[in-house]
Amino acid sequence: MTVSTERAPTGAPTDRDPIPVTTVQTRTARRENRVPRWIFKLISPIALVVLWQALSSTGVLSDDTLASPATVAGTAVEMWDEGRLQEAIAASLQRVGAGLVIGVVVAIVLATLSGLFRRGEDLIDAPMQMLRTVPVIGLIPLLIIWFGIGEQPKIVLIALAVTFPLYMNIYGGIRNVDAGLVEAAKTLGLGWFAQVRHIILPAAMPNALVGLRYSLGSAWLALVFGETINATAGIGYEMNMAREFFQTDVIVVCLVLYALLGLVADFIVRLLERTLLAWRPAFSGA
């Protein structure tokens, strides 16, 4: 009997060698090891403020051209102590809130009728497409003639700015629903109202929320122009008064307020997206 004396190749696993174990990190563990995203989101704004302060300190930017961040912060604190900021924010929020409610209701009703019914499209969509190409700001003289110089033209201007982008997104979302899903719902015996509730509206919701985000931005933009119409309070009023006296620090404070309020509004819509669209797996970036 022949006994083999061959040895296992160097590096080859044998019965006595331990089995190599590979540690696999889950996605959650990898996220915990990474730097939080909010830090990266703060890098660019902080860098811009530091650059701005450096240019102001070295005299490249004079206070007459653009006040320094330190001056702007001091002015903001002073306006807050005087109660001017609170009053301005409250007045502007009331106008945006009223215009937003009117615009959202009108857009939802018109887009739903136009998107669900062919006859509704024939009667509604063509006028909406024509009106949305008219610059909203260009309607200010007519709004003043129709509604005077009180709060009404400001609110109507904001409502118009909200209505058209939201209408377009809701209408497009309804009409882009997969026809196969509707046919499947019919096959399963769902009635028309059930199809709208369980198929069409959920499928159109992502477009509607995108339109809402865009409409909020348009609302703040319309507010800037609306508060030039004989306003006696509001962020735009403070900015117009500062312009008369060349107070760049007050102007910057008002601009920052507009930006922060817009950011807060966008954050609220993002929370709505996470809540209402939790059922939809979506790409969140690499």
Protein backbone atom coordinates (compact mmCIF):
# COMPACT_ATOMS: atom_id res chain seq x y z
CA MET A 1 0.00 0.00 0.00
CA THR A 2 1.35 3.37 -0.98
CA VAL A 3 1.06 6.24 1.48
CA SER A 4 0.92 9.74 -0.02
CA THR A 5 3.22 12.23 1.64
CA GLU A 6 2.11 15.27 -0.35
CA ARG A 7 1.74 18.46 1.68
CA ALA A 8 -0.94 21.02 1.15
CA PRO A 9 0.20 24.03 -0.90
CA THR A 10 1.42 26.98 1.11
CA GLY A 11 -1.45 29.32 1.90
CA ALA A 12 -4.11 26.72 1.11
CA PRO A 13 -6.68 26.15 3.88
CA THR A 14 -6.46 22.89 5.82
CA ASP A 15 -8.78 21.19 8.26
CA ARG A 16 -6.93 22.70 11.20
CA ASP A 17 -6.78 26.28 9.83
CA PRO A 18 -9.39 28.70 11.22
CA ILE A 19 -12.12 29.72 8.82
CA PRO A 20 -11.60 33.37 7.77
CA VAL A 21 -14.42 35.61 8.91
CA THR A 22 -15.34 38.74 6.97
CA THR A 23 -17.03 41.51 8.92
CA VAL A 24 -19.78 43.14 6.90
CA GLN A 25 -20.93 46.57 7.94
CA THR A 26 -24.60 47.27 7.59
CA ARG A 27 -25.81 50.48 6.01
CA THR A 28 -26.77 51.81 9.44
CA ALA A 29 -23.29 51.10 10.83
CA ARG A 30 -21.65 52.80 7.88
CA ARG A 31 -23.85 55.86 8.42
CA GLU A 32 -22.86 56.01 12.08
CA ASN A 33 -19.18 56.07 11.10
CA ARG A 34 -19.69 58.91 8.69
CA VAL A 35 -19.71 62.60 9.50
CA PRO A 36 -23.30 63.85 10.01
CA ARG A 37 -24.77 65.46 6.91
CA TRP A 38 -25.86 68.61 8.76
CA ILE A 39 -22.19 69.48 9.26
CA PHE A 40 -21.61 69.49 5.50
CA LYS A 41 -24.78 71.58 5.02
CA LEU A 42 -23.36 74.24 7.35
CA ILE A 43 -19.93 74.43 5.72
CA SER A 44 -20.95 76.55 2.72
CA PRO A 45 -23.06 79.14 4.62
CA ILE A 46 -20.41 79.53 7.33
CA ALA A 47 -17.67 79.92 4.73
CA LEU A 48 -19.66 82.63 2.94
CA VAL A 49 -20.27 84.54 6.18
CA VAL A 50 -16.58 84.31 7.12
CA LEU A 51 -15.57 85.57 3.66
CA TRP A 52 -18.13 88.37 3.91
CA GLN A 53 -16.82 89.43 7.33
CA ALA A 54 -13.22 89.30 6.09
CA LEU A 55 -14.01 91.53 3.11
CA SER A 56 -15.82 93.99 5.39
CA SER A 57 -12.99 94.04 7.97
CA THR A 58 -10.36 94.70 5.32
CA GLY A 59 -12.35 97.56 3.81
CA VAL A 60 -13.09 95.85 0.50
CA LEU A 61 -16.80 96.14 1.34
CA SER A 62 -17.82 99.41 2.95
CA ASP A 63 -20.88 99.74 5.19
CA ASP A 64 -22.50 101.97 2.58
CA THR A 65 -22.23 99.15 0.06
CA LEU A 66 -22.99 96.19 2.33
CA ALA A 67 -22.98 96.08 6.10
CA SER A 68 -20.78 93.47 7.77
CA PRO A 69 -22.27 90.33 9.38
CA ALA A 70 -21.43 91.68 12.83
CA THR A 71 -23.31 94.92 12.10
CA VAL A 72 -26.26 92.98 10.67
CA ALA A 73 -26.42 90.74 13.75
CA GLY A 74 -26.36 93.77 16.04
CA THR A 75 -29.11 95.44 14.04
CA ALA A 76 -31.23 92.28 14.19
CA VAL A 77 -30.89 92.14 17.98
CA GLU A 78 -31.79 95.83 18.25
CA MET A 79 -34.87 95.41 16.03
CA TRP A 80 -35.94 92.39 18.05
CA ASP A 81 -35.62 94.28 21.32
CA GLU A 82 -37.74 97.08 19.87
CA GLY A 83 -40.38 94.58 18.73
CA ARG A 84 -40.09 95.57 15.08
CA LEU A 85 -39.03 92.12 13.89
CA GLN A 86 -41.87 90.32 15.65
CA GLU A 87 -44.42 92.75 14.23
CA ALA A 88 -42.99 92.49 10.72
CA ILE A 89 -42.88 88.69 10.78
CA ALA A 90 -46.44 88.43 12.10
CA ALA A 91 -47.82 90.77 9.42
CA SER A 92 -46.00 88.97 6.61
CA LEU A 93 -47.02 85.52 7.85
CA GLN A 94 -50.68 86.56 7.95
CA ARG A 95 -50.53 87.70 4.32
CA VAL A 96 -48.70 84.59 3.13
CA GLY A 97 -51.01 82.32 5.12
CA ALA A 98 -54.19 83.85 3.71
CA GLY A 99 -52.88 83.86 0.14
CA LEU A 100 -51.55 80.32 0.49
CA VAL A 101 -54.88 78.92 1.72
CA ILE A 102 -56.80 80.58 -1.13
CA GLY A 103 -54.28 79.54 -3.77
CA VAL A 104 -54.04 75.93 -2.58
CA VAL A 105 -57.83 75.47 -2.47
CA VAL A 106 -58.32 76.97 -5.93
CA ALA A 107 -55.45 74.97 -7.44
CA ILE A 108 -56.62 71.65 -5.96
CA VAL A 109 -60.23 72.13 -7.13
CA LEU A 110 -59.33 73.25 -10.66
CA ALA A 111 -56.55 70.68 -11.14
CA THR A 112 -58.73 67.84 -9.88
CA LEU A 113 -61.62 68.75 -12.18
CA SER A 114 -59.29 69.26 -15.13
CA GLY A 115 -57.25 66.13 -14.47
CA LEU A 116 -60.06 63.67 -13.77
CA PHE A 117 -62.57 64.79 -16.40
CA ARG A 118 -62.02 65.46 -20.09
CA ARG A 119 -64.80 68.04 -20.12
CA GLY A 120 -63.14 69.74 -17.17
CA GLU A 121 -59.89 69.88 -19.12
CA ASP A 122 -61.69 71.43 -22.08
CA LEU A 123 -63.20 74.17 -19.92
CA ILE A 124 -60.40 74.84 -17.40
CA ASP A 125 -56.99 73.95 -18.74
CA ALA A 126 -56.83 76.35 -21.71
CA PRO A 127 -57.62 79.49 -19.63
CA MET A 128 -55.17 78.38 -16.93
CA GLN A 129 -52.42 77.86 -19.48
CA MET A 130 -53.01 81.35 -20.86
CA LEU A 131 -53.17 83.05 -17.47
CA ARG A 132 -50.05 81.36 -16.10
CA THR A 133 -47.94 82.96 -18.85
CA VAL A 134 -48.99 86.44 -17.68
CA PRO A 135 -46.42 87.84 -15.21
CA VAL A 136 -48.13 87.98 -11.83
CA ILE A 137 -46.21 91.11 -10.90
CA GLY A 138 -47.65 92.82 -13.97
CA LEU A 139 -51.12 92.47 -12.47
CA ILE A 140 -50.33 94.81 -9.57
CA PRO A 141 -51.84 97.94 -11.26
CA LEU A 142 -55.08 96.08 -12.00
CA LEU A 143 -55.23 94.63 -8.51
CA ILE A 144 -54.87 98.12 -7.04
CA ILE A 145 -57.71 99.38 -9.26
CA TRP A 146 -59.94 96.42 -8.37
CA PHE A 147 -59.18 96.02 -4.66
CA GLY A 148 -57.67 99.34 -3.58
CA ILE A 149 -54.43 99.68 -1.63
CA GLY A 150 -55.36 97.66 1.45
CA GLU A 151 -54.60 94.04 2.27
CA GLN A 152 -56.75 92.53 -0.48
CA PRO A 153 -54.38 93.12 -3.45
CA LYS A 154 -51.44 91.71 -1.48
CA ILE A 155 -53.33 88.53 -0.60
CA VAL A 156 -54.71 88.10 -4.13
CA LEU A 157 -51.23 88.55 -5.58
CA ILE A 158 -49.86 85.80 -3.32
CA ALA A 159 -52.83 83.54 -4.11
CA LEU A 160 -52.22 83.90 -7.84
CA ALA A 161 -48.52 83.15 -7.42
CA VAL A 162 -49.44 79.97 -5.52
CA THR A 163 -52.25 78.76 -7.78
CA PHE A 164 -50.53 78.29 -11.14
CA PRO A 165 -47.47 76.18 -10.24
CA LEU A 166 -49.52 74.01 -7.89
CA TYR A 167 -52.23 73.54 -10.54
CA MET A 168 -49.67 72.47 -13.14
CA ASN A 169 -48.07 69.89 -10.86
CA ILE A 170 -51.33 68.37 -9.60
CA TYR A 171 -52.78 68.24 -13.11
CA GLY A 172 -49.60 66.66 -14.46
CA GLY A 173 -49.50 64.17 -11.60
CA ILE A 174 -53.07 63.03 -12.25
CA ARG A 175 -52.57 62.70 -15.98
CA ASN A 176 -49.27 60.79 -15.57
CA VAL A 177 -50.80 58.01 -13.49
CA ASP A 178 -50.01 54.62 -15.01
CA ALA A 179 -53.04 53.54 -17.03
CA GLY A 180 -52.20 49.91 -16.25
CA LEU A 181 -52.84 50.55 -12.56
CA VAL A 182 -56.25 52.02 -13.32
CA GLU A 183 -57.14 49.04 -15.52
CA ALA A 184 -56.00 46.65 -12.79
CA ALA A 185 -58.20 48.48 -10.29
CA LYS A 186 -61.17 48.12 -12.64
CA THR A 187 -60.42 44.41 -13.04
CA LEU A 188 -60.42 44.00 -9.25
CA GLY A 189 -63.85 45.58 -9.11
CA LEU A 190 -62.96 48.99 -7.62
CA GLY A 191 -65.49 51.71 -8.32
CA TRP A 192 -64.64 55.13 -9.69
CA PHE A 193 -64.33 56.83 -6.31
CA ALA A 194 -62.20 53.96 -5.00
CA GLN A 195 -59.93 54.26 -8.03
CA VAL A 196 -59.47 57.96 -7.38
CA ARG A 197 -58.84 57.44 -3.67
CA HIS A 198 -56.55 54.41 -3.78
CA ILE A 199 -54.81 54.76 -7.17
CA ILE A 200 -54.95 58.19 -8.76
CA LEU A 201 -54.54 60.51 -5.77
CA PRO A 202 -51.66 58.56 -4.14
CA ALA A 203 -49.87 58.38 -7.50
CA ALA A 204 -50.30 62.14 -8.02
CA MET A 205 -49.20 63.03 -4.48
CA PRO A 206 -45.43 63.29 -5.26
CA ASN A 207 -46.10 65.84 -8.01
CA ALA A 208 -48.49 67.74 -5.76
CA LEU A 209 -45.90 68.09 -2.99
CA VAL A 210 -43.26 69.24 -5.47
CA GLY A 211 -45.74 71.83 -6.68
CA LEU A 212 -46.42 72.90 -3.10
CA ARG A 213 -42.71 73.49 -2.50
CA TYR A 214 -42.49 75.57 -5.64
CA SER A 215 -45.66 77.47 -4.72
CA LEU A 216 -44.26 78.38 -1.31
CA GLY A 217 -41.22 79.91 -2.96
CA SER A 218 -43.48 81.84 -5.32
CA ALA A 219 -45.57 83.01 -2.37
CA TRP A 220 -42.59 84.62 -0.63
CA LEU A 221 -41.49 86.19 -3.90
CA ALA A 222 -44.97 87.65 -4.44
CA LEU A 223 -44.96 88.91 -0.86
CA VAL A 224 -41.87 91.01 -1.56
CA PHE A 225 -43.70 92.82 -4.35
CA GLY A 226 -47.05 92.83 -2.56
CA GLU A 227 -45.64 94.65 0.45
CA THR A 228 -44.60 97.51 -1.79
CA ILE A 229 -48.31 98.36 -2.18
CA ASN A 230 -48.82 100.95 0.56
CA ALA A 231 -47.78 98.57 3.33
CA THR A 232 -47.60 99.90 6.89
CA ALA A 233 -46.17 96.72 8.43
CA GLY A 234 -44.31 93.64 7.35
CA ILE A 235 -40.84 92.61 6.30
CA GLY A 236 -41.19 94.35 2.95
CA TYR A 237 -42.26 97.55 4.67
CA GLU A 238 -39.15 97.51 6.86
CA MET A 239 -37.00 96.90 3.81
CA ASN A 240 -38.58 99.75 1.86
CA MET A 241 -38.08 102.15 4.76
CA ALA A 242 -34.46 101.06 5.06
CA ARG A 243 -33.97 101.70 1.36
CA GLU A 244 -35.08 105.30 1.78
CA PHE A 245 -32.38 105.88 4.42
CA PHE A 246 -29.67 103.68 2.80
CA GLN A 247 -29.65 101.30 5.79
CA THR A 248 -28.01 98.25 4.24
CA ASP A 249 -27.92 96.45 7.57
CA VAL A 250 -31.73 96.55 7.92
CA ILE A 251 -32.12 95.49 4.29
CA VAL A 252 -29.89 92.45 4.86
CA VAL A 253 -31.80 91.57 8.04
CA CYS A 254 -35.05 91.56 6.05
CA LEU A 255 -33.51 89.46 3.27
CA VAL A 256 -32.26 86.94 5.81
CA LEU A 257 -35.75 86.80 7.33
CA TYR A 258 -37.27 86.04 3.92
CA ALA A 259 -34.69 83.29 3.39
CA LEU A 260 -35.19 81.74 6.83
CA LEU A 261 -38.98 81.75 6.57
CA GLY A 262 -38.77 80.17 3.12
CA LEU A 263 -36.38 77.54 4.47
CA VAL A 264 -38.73 76.72 7.33
CA ALA A 265 -41.68 76.40 4.94
CA ASP A 266 -39.68 74.08 2.67
CA PHE A 267 -38.65 72.00 5.68
CA ILE A 268 -42.31 71.56 6.66
CA VAL A 269 -43.18 70.32 3.16
CA ARG A 270 -40.25 67.88 3.31
CA LEU A 271 -41.68 66.49 6.53
CA LEU A 272 -45.02 66.08 4.77
CA GLU A 273 -43.27 64.20 1.98
CA ARG A 274 -41.67 61.79 4.44
CA THR A 275 -45.01 61.21 6.14
CA LEU A 276 -47.35 61.00 3.16
CA LEU A 277 -44.91 59.22 0.85
CA ALA A 278 -43.49 56.75 3.35
CA TRP A 279 -44.95 53.94 1.20
CA ARG A 280 -42.85 54.91 -1.82
CA PRO A 281 -39.20 53.74 -1.96
CA ALA A 282 -37.24 56.56 -3.55
CA PHE A 283 -33.61 57.21 -4.40
CA SER A 284 -32.04 59.44 -1.76
CA GLY A 285 -28.66 60.10 -3.38
CA ALA A 286 -25.40 58.18 -3.47
